[in-house]
Full PDB file with SEQRES, HELIX, SHEET, SSBOND, CRYST1, ORIGX, SCALE, CONECT and MASTER records, all heavy atoms in Angstrom:
SEQRES   1 A   43  ARG VAL HIS ASP GLN ARG ALA VAL ALA LEU ALA ALA ALA          
SEQRES   2 A   43  LEU LEU GLN THR LEU THR PHE LEU GLY PHE LEU VAL LEU          
SEQRES   3 A   43  PRO SER TRP SER LEU LEU TRP ALA VAL LEU PHE GLY PHE          
SEQRES   4 A   43  GLY SER GLY SER                                              
HELIX    1 AA1 ARG A    6  VAL A   25  1                                  20    
HELIX    2 AA2 PRO A   27  TRP A   29  5                                   3    
HELIX    3 AA3 SER A   30  GLY A   42  1                                  13    
CRYST1    1.000    1.000    1.000  90.00  90.00  90.00 P 1           1          
ORIGX1      1.000000  0.000000  0.000000        0.00000                         
ORIGX2      0.000000  1.000000  0.000000        0.00000                         
ORIGX3      0.000000  0.000000  1.000000        0.00000                         
SCALE1      1.000000  0.000000  0.000000        0.00000                         
SCALE2      0.000000  1.000000  0.000000        0.00000                         
SCALE3      0.000000  0.000000  1.000000        0.00000                         
ATOM      1  N   ARG A   1     116.249 180.533  73.465  1.00  0.00           N  
ATOM      2  CA  ARG A   1     115.566 179.801  72.400  1.00  0.00           C  
ATOM      3  C   ARG A   1     115.117 178.400  72.802  1.00  0.00           C  
ATOM      4  O   ARG A   1     114.165 177.867  72.228  1.00  0.00           O  
ATOM      5  CB  ARG A   1     116.487 179.685  71.173  1.00  0.00           C  
ATOM      6  CG  ARG A   1     116.834 181.036  70.551  1.00  0.00           C  
ATOM      7  CD  ARG A   1     117.815 180.873  69.401  1.00  0.00           C  
ATOM      8  NE  ARG A   1     118.229 182.157  68.855  1.00  0.00           N  
ATOM      9  CZ  ARG A   1     119.126 182.308  67.894  1.00  0.00           C  
ATOM     10  NH1 ARG A   1     119.717 181.244  67.363  1.00  0.00           N  
ATOM     11  NH2 ARG A   1     119.444 183.512  67.464  1.00  0.00           N  
ATOM     12  N   VAL A   2     115.798 177.789  73.781  1.00  0.00           N  
ATOM     13  CA  VAL A   2     115.478 176.423  74.164  1.00  0.00           C  
ATOM     14  C   VAL A   2     114.384 176.427  75.221  1.00  0.00           C  
ATOM     15  O   VAL A   2     114.528 177.049  76.278  1.00  0.00           O  
ATOM     16  CB  VAL A   2     116.730 175.697  74.708  1.00  0.00           C  
ATOM     17  CG1 VAL A   2     116.377 174.307  75.197  1.00  0.00           C  
ATOM     18  CG2 VAL A   2     117.795 175.622  73.623  1.00  0.00           C  
ATOM     19  N   HIS A   3     113.281 175.722  74.943  1.00  0.00           N  
ATOM     20  CA  HIS A   3     112.169 175.670  75.885  1.00  0.00           C  
ATOM     21  C   HIS A   3     112.467 174.704  77.025  1.00  0.00           C  
ATOM     22  O   HIS A   3     112.193 174.994  78.193  1.00  0.00           O  
ATOM     23  CB  HIS A   3     110.891 175.254  75.154  1.00  0.00           C  
ATOM     24  CG  HIS A   3     109.679 175.166  76.039  1.00  0.00           C  
ATOM     25  ND1 HIS A   3     109.215 176.251  76.768  1.00  0.00           N  
ATOM     26  CD2 HIS A   3     108.855 174.120  76.331  1.00  0.00           C  
ATOM     27  CE1 HIS A   3     108.148 175.879  77.452  1.00  0.00           C  
ATOM     28  NE2 HIS A   3     107.913 174.600  77.213  1.00  0.00           N  
ATOM     29  N   ASP A   4     113.010 173.547  76.704  1.00  0.00           N  
ATOM     30  CA  ASP A   4     113.369 172.548  77.702  1.00  0.00           C  
ATOM     31  C   ASP A   4     114.858 172.681  78.010  1.00  0.00           C  
ATOM     32  O   ASP A   4     115.713 172.297  77.215  1.00  0.00           O  
ATOM     33  CB  ASP A   4     113.055 171.143  77.164  1.00  0.00           C  
ATOM     34  CG  ASP A   4     113.235 170.067  78.229  1.00  0.00           C  
ATOM     35  OD1 ASP A   4     113.842 170.363  79.282  1.00  0.00           O  
ATOM     36  OD2 ASP A   4     112.786 168.935  78.006  1.00  0.00           O  
ATOM     37  N   GLN A   5     115.174 173.215  79.183  1.00  0.00           N  
ATOM     38  CA  GLN A   5     116.556 173.512  79.559  1.00  0.00           C  
ATOM     39  C   GLN A   5     117.162 172.461  80.491  1.00  0.00           C  
ATOM     40  O   GLN A   5     118.222 172.667  81.081  1.00  0.00           O  
ATOM     41  CB  GLN A   5     116.617 174.893  80.219  1.00  0.00           C  
ATOM     42  CG  GLN A   5     116.167 176.015  79.302  1.00  0.00           C  
ATOM     43  CD  GLN A   5     115.976 177.328  80.031  1.00  0.00           C  
ATOM     44  OE1 GLN A   5     115.877 177.366  81.248  1.00  0.00           O  
ATOM     45  NE2 GLN A   5     115.887 178.425  79.279  1.00  0.00           N  
ATOM     46  N   ARG A   6     116.497 171.300  80.613  1.00  0.00           N  
ATOM     47  CA  ARG A   6     116.970 170.279  81.549  1.00  0.00           C  
ATOM     48  C   ARG A   6     118.364 169.770  81.193  1.00  0.00           C  
ATOM     49  O   ARG A   6     119.217 169.600  82.073  1.00  0.00           O  
ATOM     50  CB  ARG A   6     115.988 169.108  81.599  1.00  0.00           C  
ATOM     51  CG  ARG A   6     114.701 169.415  82.346  1.00  0.00           C  
ATOM     52  CD  ARG A   6     113.752 168.242  82.314  1.00  0.00           C  
ATOM     53  NE  ARG A   6     113.314 167.939  80.950  1.00  0.00           N  
ATOM     54  CZ  ARG A   6     112.477 166.957  80.642  1.00  0.00           C  
ATOM     55  NH1 ARG A   6     112.005 166.163  81.598  1.00  0.00           N  
ATOM     56  NH2 ARG A   6     112.107 166.756  79.389  1.00  0.00           N  
ATOM     57  N   ALA A   7     118.594 169.501  79.917  1.00  0.00           N  
ATOM     58  CA  ALA A   7     119.886 168.948  79.510  1.00  0.00           C  
ATOM     59  C   ALA A   7     121.017 169.934  79.802  1.00  0.00           C  
ATOM     60  O   ALA A   7     122.088 169.539  80.282  1.00  0.00           O  
ATOM     61  CB  ALA A   7     119.861 168.594  78.024  1.00  0.00           C  
ATOM     62  N   VAL A   8     120.773 171.214  79.540  1.00  0.00           N  
ATOM     63  CA  VAL A   8     121.791 172.230  79.793  1.00  0.00           C  
ATOM     64  C   VAL A   8     122.062 172.348  81.289  1.00  0.00           C  
ATOM     65  O   VAL A   8     123.219 172.428  81.734  1.00  0.00           O  
ATOM     66  CB  VAL A   8     121.352 173.595  79.223  1.00  0.00           C  
ATOM     67  CG1 VAL A   8     122.415 174.652  79.479  1.00  0.00           C  
ATOM     68  CG2 VAL A   8     121.069 173.485  77.736  1.00  0.00           C  
ATOM     69  N   ALA A   9     120.995 172.339  82.089  1.00  0.00           N  
ATOM     70  CA  ALA A   9     121.140 172.469  83.541  1.00  0.00           C  
ATOM     71  C   ALA A   9     121.902 171.279  84.128  1.00  0.00           C  
ATOM     72  O   ALA A   9     122.773 171.445  84.996  1.00  0.00           O  
ATOM     73  CB  ALA A   9     119.766 172.591  84.194  1.00  0.00           C  
ATOM     74  N   LEU A  10     121.592 170.073  83.664  1.00  0.00           N  
ATOM     75  CA  LEU A  10     122.259 168.879  84.171  1.00  0.00           C  
ATOM     76  C   LEU A  10     123.719 168.830  83.717  1.00  0.00           C  
ATOM     77  O   LEU A  10     124.620 168.497  84.504  1.00  0.00           O  
ATOM     78  CB  LEU A  10     121.520 167.629  83.700  1.00  0.00           C  
ATOM     79  CG  LEU A  10     122.103 166.282  84.137  1.00  0.00           C  
ATOM     80  CD1 LEU A  10     122.097 166.175  85.658  1.00  0.00           C  
ATOM     81  CD2 LEU A  10     121.317 165.129  83.511  1.00  0.00           C  
ATOM     82  N   ALA A  11     123.982 169.154  82.455  1.00  0.00           N  
ATOM     83  CA  ALA A  11     125.346 169.105  81.926  1.00  0.00           C  
ATOM     84  C   ALA A  11     126.270 170.069  82.668  1.00  0.00           C  
ATOM     85  O   ALA A  11     127.436 169.745  82.933  1.00  0.00           O  
ATOM     86  CB  ALA A  11     125.332 169.432  80.434  1.00  0.00           C  
ATOM     87  N   ALA A  12     125.755 171.248  83.030  1.00  0.00           N  
ATOM     88  CA  ALA A  12     126.580 172.226  83.742  1.00  0.00           C  
ATOM     89  C   ALA A  12     127.008 171.701  85.108  1.00  0.00           C  
ATOM     90  O   ALA A  12     128.149 171.923  85.549  1.00  0.00           O  
ATOM     91  CB  ALA A  12     125.805 173.536  83.903  1.00  0.00           C  
ATOM     92  N   ALA A  13     126.093 170.984  85.785  1.00  0.00           N  
ATOM     93  CA  ALA A  13     126.433 170.412  87.093  1.00  0.00           C  
ATOM     94  C   ALA A  13     127.414 169.253  86.956  1.00  0.00           C  
ATOM     95  O   ALA A  13     128.375 169.135  87.733  1.00  0.00           O  
ATOM     96  CB  ALA A  13     125.164 169.954  87.800  1.00  0.00           C  
ATOM     97  N   LEU A  14     127.191 168.383  85.973  1.00  0.00           N  
ATOM     98  CA  LEU A  14     128.066 167.220  85.799  1.00  0.00           C  
ATOM     99  C   LEU A  14     129.465 167.627  85.328  1.00  0.00           C  
ATOM    100  O   LEU A  14     130.441 166.906  85.585  1.00  0.00           O  
ATOM    101  CB  LEU A  14     127.440 166.228  84.819  1.00  0.00           C  
ATOM    102  CG  LEU A  14     126.150 165.556  85.304  1.00  0.00           C  
ATOM    103  CD1 LEU A  14     125.636 164.572  84.274  1.00  0.00           C  
ATOM    104  CD2 LEU A  14     126.382 164.854  86.643  1.00  0.00           C  
ATOM    105  N   LEU A  15     129.575 168.753  84.648  1.00  0.00           N  
ATOM    106  CA  LEU A  15     130.899 169.246  84.274  1.00  0.00           C  
ATOM    107  C   LEU A  15     131.724 169.546  85.528  1.00  0.00           C  
ATOM    108  O   LEU A  15     132.938 169.296  85.562  1.00  0.00           O  
ATOM    109  CB  LEU A  15     130.766 170.502  83.409  1.00  0.00           C  
ATOM    110  CG  LEU A  15     132.082 171.144  82.932  1.00  0.00           C  
ATOM    111  CD1 LEU A  15     132.906 170.149  82.115  1.00  0.00           C  
ATOM    112  CD2 LEU A  15     131.806 172.403  82.115  1.00  0.00           C  
ATOM    113  N   GLN A  16     131.068 170.049  86.555  1.00  0.00           N  
ATOM    114  CA  GLN A  16     131.769 170.291  87.808  1.00  0.00           C  
ATOM    115  C   GLN A  16     132.223 168.975  88.441  1.00  0.00           C  
ATOM    116  O   GLN A  16     133.318 168.895  89.024  1.00  0.00           O  
ATOM    117  CB  GLN A  16     130.875 171.076  88.767  1.00  0.00           C  
ATOM    118  CG  GLN A  16     130.554 172.474  88.281  1.00  0.00           C  
ATOM    119  CD  GLN A  16     129.770 173.282  89.302  1.00  0.00           C  
ATOM    120  OE1 GLN A  16     130.135 173.336  90.476  1.00  0.00           O  
ATOM    121  NE2 GLN A  16     128.697 173.923  88.870  1.00  0.00           N  
ATOM    122  N   THR A  17     131.380 167.944  88.348  1.00  0.00           N  
ATOM    123  CA  THR A  17     131.775 166.629  88.853  1.00  0.00           C  
ATOM    124  C   THR A  17     133.068 166.164  88.194  1.00  0.00           C  
ATOM    125  O   THR A  17     133.981 165.657  88.863  1.00  0.00           O  
ATOM    126  CB  THR A  17     130.660 165.592  88.577  1.00  0.00           C  
ATOM    127  OG1 THR A  17     129.409 166.070  89.072  1.00  0.00           O  
ATOM    128  CG2 THR A  17     130.993 164.255  89.230  1.00  0.00           C  
ATOM    129  N   LEU A  18     133.153 166.332  86.884  1.00  0.00           N  
ATOM    130  CA  LEU A  18     134.351 165.950  86.139  1.00  0.00           C  
ATOM    131  C   LEU A  18     135.581 166.692  86.651  1.00  0.00           C  
ATOM    132  O   LEU A  18     136.660 166.095  86.807  1.00  0.00           O  
ATOM    133  CB  LEU A  18     134.145 166.229  84.648  1.00  0.00           C  
ATOM    134  CG  LEU A  18     135.360 166.024  83.738  1.00  0.00           C  
ATOM    135  CD1 LEU A  18     135.773 164.557  83.727  1.00  0.00           C  
ATOM    136  CD2 LEU A  18     135.056 166.510  82.318  1.00  0.00           C  
ATOM    137  N   THR A  19     135.444 167.969  86.928  1.00  0.00           N  
ATOM    138  CA  THR A  19     136.611 168.746  87.368  1.00  0.00           C  
ATOM    139  C   THR A  19     137.085 168.309  88.751  1.00  0.00           C  
ATOM    140  O   THR A  19     138.293 168.280  89.013  1.00  0.00           O  
ATOM    141  CB  THR A  19     136.291 170.249  87.375  1.00  0.00           C  
ATOM    142  OG1 THR A  19     135.281 170.531  88.351  1.00  0.00           O  
ATOM    143  CG2 THR A  19     135.810 170.709  86.016  1.00  0.00           C  
ATOM    144  N   PHE A  20     136.159 167.975  89.647  1.00  0.00           N  
ATOM    145  CA  PHE A  20     136.557 167.516  90.973  1.00  0.00           C  
ATOM    146  C   PHE A  20     137.330 166.197  90.874  1.00  0.00           C  
ATOM    147  O   PHE A  20     138.330 166.001  91.578  1.00  0.00           O  
ATOM    148  CB  PHE A  20     135.334 167.354  91.871  1.00  0.00           C  
ATOM    149  CG  PHE A  20     134.550 168.627  92.066  1.00  0.00           C  
ATOM    150  CD1 PHE A  20     133.161 168.610  92.126  1.00  0.00           C  
ATOM    151  CD2 PHE A  20     135.197 169.854  92.174  1.00  0.00           C  
ATOM    152  CE1 PHE A  20     132.439 169.765  92.304  1.00  0.00           C  
ATOM    153  CE2 PHE A  20     134.477 171.028  92.347  1.00  0.00           C  
ATOM    154  CZ  PHE A  20     133.096 170.978  92.409  1.00  0.00           C  
ATOM    155  N   LEU A  21     136.869 165.315  90.001  1.00  0.00           N  
ATOM    156  CA  LEU A  21     137.600 164.071  89.764  1.00  0.00           C  
ATOM    157  C   LEU A  21     138.979 164.356  89.169  1.00  0.00           C  
ATOM    158  O   LEU A  21     139.964 163.692  89.499  1.00  0.00           O  
ATOM    159  CB  LEU A  21     136.798 163.165  88.829  1.00  0.00           C  
ATOM    160  CG  LEU A  21     135.528 162.532  89.412  1.00  0.00           C  
ATOM    161  CD1 LEU A  21     134.708 161.859  88.316  1.00  0.00           C  
ATOM    162  CD2 LEU A  21     135.892 161.528  90.502  1.00  0.00           C  
ATOM    163  N   GLY A  22     139.040 165.374  88.292  1.00  0.00           N  
ATOM    164  CA  GLY A  22     140.310 165.741  87.685  1.00  0.00           C  
ATOM    165  C   GLY A  22     141.318 166.247  88.704  1.00  0.00           C  
ATOM    166  O   GLY A  22     142.490 165.840  88.694  1.00  0.00           O  
ATOM    167  N   PHE A  23     140.867 167.136  89.611  1.00  0.00           N  
ATOM    168  CA  PHE A  23     141.754 167.624  90.672  1.00  0.00           C  
ATOM    169  C   PHE A  23     142.281 166.461  91.523  1.00  0.00           C  
ATOM    170  O   PHE A  23     143.419 166.481  91.983  1.00  0.00           O  
ATOM    171  CB  PHE A  23     141.014 168.606  91.584  1.00  0.00           C  
ATOM    172  CG  PHE A  23     140.872 169.995  91.033  1.00  0.00           C  
ATOM    173  CD1 PHE A  23     139.619 170.588  90.919  1.00  0.00           C  
ATOM    174  CD2 PHE A  23     141.989 170.725  90.651  1.00  0.00           C  
ATOM    175  CE1 PHE A  23     139.482 171.876  90.428  1.00  0.00           C  
ATOM    176  CE2 PHE A  23     141.866 172.021  90.152  1.00  0.00           C  
ATOM    177  CZ  PHE A  23     140.611 172.596  90.042  1.00  0.00           C  
ATOM    178  N   LEU A  24     141.435 165.459  91.703  1.00  0.00           N  
ATOM    179  CA  LEU A  24     141.779 164.336  92.567  1.00  0.00           C  
ATOM    180  C   LEU A  24     142.737 163.362  91.892  1.00  0.00           C  
ATOM    181  O   LEU A  24     143.712 162.904  92.512  1.00  0.00           O  
ATOM    182  CB  LEU A  24     140.489 163.612  92.970  1.00  0.00           C  
ATOM    183  CG  LEU A  24     140.600 162.475  93.980  1.00  0.00           C  
ATOM    184  CD1 LEU A  24     141.154 162.988  95.306  1.00  0.00           C  
ATOM    185  CD2 LEU A  24     139.232 161.829  94.185  1.00  0.00           C  
ATOM    186  N   VAL A  25     142.491 163.059  90.624  1.00  0.00           N  
ATOM    187  CA  VAL A  25     143.233 162.011  89.928  1.00  0.00           C  
ATOM    188  C   VAL A  25     144.444 162.559  89.174  1.00  0.00           C  
ATOM    189  O   VAL A  25     145.506 161.919  89.118  1.00  0.00           O  
ATOM    190  CB  VAL A  25     142.300 161.253  88.957  1.00  0.00           C  
ATOM    191  CG1 VAL A  25     143.073 160.213  88.160  1.00  0.00           C  
ATOM    192  CG2 VAL A  25     141.154 160.600  89.724  1.00  0.00           C  
ATOM    193  N   LEU A  26     144.310 163.743  88.589  1.00  0.00           N  
ATOM    194  CA  LEU A  26     145.370 164.290  87.747  1.00  0.00           C  
ATOM    195  C   LEU A  26     145.627 165.756  88.118  1.00  0.00           C  
ATOM    196  O   LEU A  26     145.330 166.668  87.337  1.00  0.00           O  
ATOM    197  CB  LEU A  26     144.958 164.165  86.269  1.00  0.00           C  
ATOM    198  CG  LEU A  26     146.068 164.171  85.209  1.00  0.00           C  
ATOM    199  CD1 LEU A  26     147.064 163.042  85.449  1.00  0.00           C  
ATOM    200  CD2 LEU A  26     145.457 164.055  83.816  1.00  0.00           C  
ATOM    201  N   PRO A  27     146.184 166.020  89.300  1.00  0.00           N  
ATOM    202  CA  PRO A  27     146.362 167.411  89.758  1.00  0.00           C  
ATOM    203  C   PRO A  27     147.317 168.229  88.904  1.00  0.00           C  
ATOM    204  O   PRO A  27     147.251 169.464  88.934  1.00  0.00           O  
ATOM    205  CB  PRO A  27     146.902 167.234  91.182  1.00  0.00           C  
ATOM    206  CG  PRO A  27     147.487 165.863  91.225  1.00  0.00           C  
ATOM    207  CD  PRO A  27     146.640 165.043  90.299  1.00  0.00           C  
ATOM    208  N   SER A  28     148.207 167.574  88.150  1.00  0.00           N  
ATOM    209  CA  SER A  28     149.129 168.329  87.300  1.00  0.00           C  
ATOM    210  C   SER A  28     148.386 169.075  86.193  1.00  0.00           C  
ATOM    211  O   SER A  28     148.930 170.005  85.596  1.00  0.00           O  
ATOM    212  CB  SER A  28     150.178 167.396  86.688  1.00  0.00           C  
ATOM    213  OG  SER A  28     149.568 166.393  85.896  1.00  0.00           O  
ATOM    214  N   TRP A  29     147.163 168.669  85.910  1.00  0.00           N  
ATOM    215  CA  TRP A  29     146.325 169.344  84.906  1.00  0.00           C  
ATOM    216  C   TRP A  29     145.368 170.345  85.564  1.00  0.00           C  
ATOM    217  O   TRP A  29     144.309 170.643  85.036  1.00  0.00           O  
ATOM    218  CB  TRP A  29     145.520 168.313  84.119  1.00  0.00           C  
ATOM    219  CG  TRP A  29     146.335 167.477  83.163  1.00  0.00           C  
ATOM    220  CD1 TRP A  29     147.673 167.195  83.243  1.00  0.00           C  
ATOM    221  CD2 TRP A  29     145.861 166.820  81.999  1.00  0.00           C  
ATOM    222  NE1 TRP A  29     148.063 166.391  82.210  1.00  0.00           N  
ATOM    223  CE2 TRP A  29     146.971 166.142  81.414  1.00  0.00           C  
ATOM    224  CE3 TRP A  29     144.617 166.714  81.379  1.00  0.00           C  
ATOM    225  CZ2 TRP A  29     146.870 165.390  80.258  1.00  0.00           C  
ATOM    226  CZ3 TRP A  29     144.503 165.962  80.219  1.00  0.00           C  
ATOM    227  CH2 TRP A  29     145.618 165.310  79.661  1.00  0.00           C  
ATOM    228  N   SER A  30     145.757 170.873  86.707  1.00  0.00           N  
ATOM    229  CA  SER A  30     144.847 171.723  87.481  1.00  0.00           C  
ATOM    230  C   SER A  30     144.392 172.965  86.726  1.00  0.00           C  
ATOM    231  O   SER A  30     143.292 173.481  86.969  1.00  0.00           O  
ATOM    232  CB  SER A  30     145.507 172.142  88.796  1.00  0.00           C  
ATOM    233  OG  SER A  30     145.623 171.041  89.670  1.00  0.00           O  
ATOM    234  N   LEU A  31     145.221 173.467  85.822  1.00  0.00           N  
ATOM    235  CA  LEU A  31     144.802 174.621  85.024  1.00  0.00           C  
ATOM    236  C   LEU A  31     143.545 174.281  84.225  1.00  0.00           C  
ATOM    237  O   LEU A  31     142.582 175.054  84.199  1.00  0.00           O  
ATOM    238  CB  LEU A  31     145.926 175.045  84.088  1.00  0.00           C  
ATOM    239  CG  LEU A  31     145.576 176.131  83.055  1.00  0.00           C  
ATOM    240  CD1 LEU A  31     145.100 177.404  83.750  1.00  0.00           C  
ATOM    241  CD2 LEU A  31     146.779 176.436  82.166  1.00  0.00           C  
ATOM    242  N   LEU A  32     143.547 173.114  83.573  1.00  0.00           N  
ATOM    243  CA  LEU A  32     142.379 172.691  82.799  1.00  0.00           C  
ATOM    244  C   LEU A  32     141.165 172.509  83.695  1.00  0.00           C  
ATOM    245  O   LEU A  32     140.064 172.979  83.368  1.00  0.00           O  
ATOM    246  CB  LEU A  32     142.688 171.382  82.068  1.00  0.00           C  
ATOM    247  CG  LEU A  32     141.505 170.729  81.329  1.00  0.00           C  
ATOM    248  CD1 LEU A  32     141.003 171.633  80.219  1.00  0.00           C  
ATOM    249  CD2 LEU A  32     141.905 169.358  80.788  1.00  0.00           C  
ATOM    250  N   TRP A  33     141.373 171.832  84.842  1.00  0.00           N  
ATOM    251  CA  TRP A  33     140.229 171.576  85.732  1.00  0.00           C  
ATOM    252  C   TRP A  33     139.669 172.879  86.295  1.00  0.00           C  
ATOM    253  O   TRP A  33     138.448 173.017  86.443  1.00  0.00           O  
ATOM    254  CB  TRP A  33     140.643 170.641  86.861  1.00  0.00           C  
ATOM    255  CG  TRP A  33     141.330 169.387  86.428  1.00  0.00           C  
ATOM    256  CD1 TRP A  33     142.482 168.858  86.929  1.00  0.00           C  
ATOM    257  CD2 TRP A  33     140.921 168.487  85.376  1.00  0.00           C  
ATOM    258  NE1 TRP A  33     142.820 167.700  86.273  1.00  0.00           N  
ATOM    259  CE2 TRP A  33     141.869 167.449  85.314  1.00  0.00           C  
ATOM    260  CE3 TRP A  33     139.852 168.463  84.479  1.00  0.00           C  
ATOM    261  CZ2 TRP A  33     141.789 166.406  84.397  1.00  0.00           C  
ATOM    262  CZ3 TRP A  33     139.764 167.431  83.557  1.00  0.00           C  
ATOM    263  CH2 TRP A  33     140.712 166.415  83.525  1.00  0.00           C  
ATOM    264  N   ALA A  34     140.539 173.831  86.608  1.00  0.00           N  
ATOM    265  CA  ALA A  34     140.071 175.107  87.141  1.00  0.00           C  
ATOM    266  C   ALA A  34     139.232 175.860  86.117  1.00  0.00           C  
ATOM    267  O   ALA A  34     138.181 176.436  86.445  1.00  0.00           O  
ATOM    268  CB  ALA A  34     141.261 175.961  87.585  1.00  0.00           C  
ATOM    269  N   VAL A  35     139.680 175.857  84.868  1.00  0.00           N  
ATOM    270  CA  VAL A  35     138.937 176.545  83.809  1.00  0.00           C  
ATOM    271  C   VAL A  35     137.593 175.868  83.567  1.00  0.00           C  
ATOM    272  O   VAL A  35     136.552 176.539  83.439  1.00  0.00           O  
ATOM    273  CB  VAL A  35     139.769 176.585  82.514  1.00  0.00           C  
ATOM    274  CG1 VAL A  35     138.920 177.079  81.341  1.00  0.00           C  
ATOM    275  CG2 VAL A  35     140.984 177.497  82.692  1.00  0.00           C  
ATOM    276  N   LEU A  36     137.582 174.529  83.523  1.00  0.00           N  
ATOM    277  CA  LEU A  36     136.326 173.805  83.309  1.00  0.00           C  
ATOM    278  C   LEU A  36     135.371 173.996  84.482  1.00  0.00           C  
ATOM    279  O   LEU A  36     134.159 174.118  84.293  1.00  0.00           O  
ATOM    280  CB  LEU A  36     136.602 172.316  83.094  1.00  0.00           C  
ATOM    281  CG  LEU A  36     137.274 171.942  81.769  1.00  0.00           C  
ATOM    282  CD1 LEU A  36     137.528 170.439  81.707  1.00  0.00           C  
ATOM    283  CD2 LEU A  36     136.427 172.386  80.577  1.00  0.00           C  
ATOM    284  N   PHE A  37     135.926 174.019  85.699  1.00  0.00           N  
ATOM    285  CA  PHE A  37     135.067 174.270  86.853  1.00  0.00           C  
ATOM    286  C   PHE A  37     134.431 175.655  86.764  1.00  0.00           C  
ATOM    287  O   PHE A  37     133.238 175.832  87.021  1.00  0.00           O  
ATOM    288  CB  PHE A  37     135.848 174.156  88.157  1.00  0.00           C  
ATOM    289  CG  PHE A  37     135.059 174.617  89.355  1.00  0.00           C  
ATOM    290  CD1 PHE A  37     134.061 173.827  89.894  1.00  0.00           C  
ATOM    291  CD2 PHE A  37     135.278 175.878  89.911  1.00  0.00           C  
ATOM    292  CE1 PHE A  37     133.301 174.265  90.967  1.00  0.00           C  
ATOM    293  CE2 PHE A  37     134.534 176.324  90.984  1.00  0.00           C  
ATOM    294  CZ  PHE A  37     133.544 175.514  91.519  1.00  0.00           C  
ATOM    295  N   GLY A  38     135.235 176.657  86.416  1.00  0.00           N  
ATOM    296  CA  GLY A  38     134.695 178.003  86.272  1.00  0.00           C  
ATOM    297  C   GLY A  38     133.590 178.063  85.237  1.00  0.00           C  
ATOM    298  O   GLY A  38     132.556 178.711  85.448  1.00  0.00           O  
ATOM    299  N   PHE A  39     133.782 177.347  84.126  1.00  0.00           N  
ATOM    300  CA  PHE A  39     132.758 177.326  83.084  1.00  0.00           C  
ATOM    301  C   PHE A  39     131.482 176.668  83.599  1.00  0.00           C  
ATOM    302  O   PHE A  39     130.372 177.178  83.375  1.00  0.00           O  
ATOM    303  CB  PHE A  39     133.282 176.573  81.859  1.00  0.00           C  
ATOM    304  CG  PHE A  39     132.336 176.574  80.693  1.00  0.00           C  
ATOM    305  CD1 PHE A  39     132.366 177.596  79.760  1.00  0.00           C  
ATOM    306  CD2 PHE A  39     131.407 175.556  80.528  1.00  0.00           C  
ATOM    307  CE1 PHE A  39     131.484 177.612  78.688  1.00  0.00           C  
ATOM    308  CE2 PHE A  39     130.524 175.554  79.461  1.00  0.00           C  
ATOM    309  CZ  PHE A  39     130.560 176.586  78.547  1.00  0.00           C  
ATOM    310  N   GLY A  40     131.631 175.535  84.292  1.00  0.00           N  
ATOM    311  CA  GLY A  40     130.456 174.842  84.814  1.00  0.00           C  
ATOM    312  C   GLY A  40     129.731 175.643  85.870  1.00  0.00           C  
ATOM    313  O   GLY A  40     128.499 175.743  85.862  1.00  0.00           O  
ATOM    314  N   SER A  41     130.483 176.244  86.794  1.00  0.00           N  
ATOM    315  CA  SER A  41     129.871 177.036  87.854  1.00  0.00           C  
ATOM    316  C   SER A  41     129.181 178.277  87.290  1.00  0.00           C  
ATOM    317  O   SER A  41     128.068 178.623  87.699  1.00  0.00           O  
ATOM    318  CB  SER A  41     130.942 177.446  88.867  1.00  0.00           C  
ATOM    319  OG  SER A  41     130.384 178.211  89.908  1.00  0.00           O  
ATOM    320  N   GLY A  42     129.843 178.940  86.336  1.00  0.00           N  
ATOM    321  CA  GLY A  42     129.227 180.101  85.702  1.00  0.00           C  
ATOM    322  C   GLY A  42     127.966 179.742  84.948  1.00  0.00           C  
ATOM    323  O   GLY A  42     126.997 180.513  84.925  1.00  0.00           O  
ATOM    324  N   SER A  43     127.951 178.561  84.339  1.00  0.00           N  
ATOM    325  CA  SER A  43     126.770 178.108  83.603  1.00  0.00           C  
ATOM    326  C   SER A  43     125.590 177.903  84.538  1.00  0.00           C  
ATOM    327  O   SER A  43     124.460 178.341  84.263  1.00  0.00           O  
ATOM    328  CB  SER A  43     127.086 176.804  82.860  1.00  0.00           C  
ATOM    329  OG  SER A  43     128.093 176.990  81.898  1.00  0.00           O  
TER     330      SER A  43                                                      
MASTER        0    0    0    3    0    0    0    6  329    1    0    4          
END                                                                             
């Protein structure tokens, strides 16, 4: 339905950036970062 998909495409990539920072700074939350990474990569 969305004609301009730029925001969706950019957000999916930046979500992965967030997860890499999460693995680095807060590894005890790795379950959350792994799930978010999977969502971003799948997107």
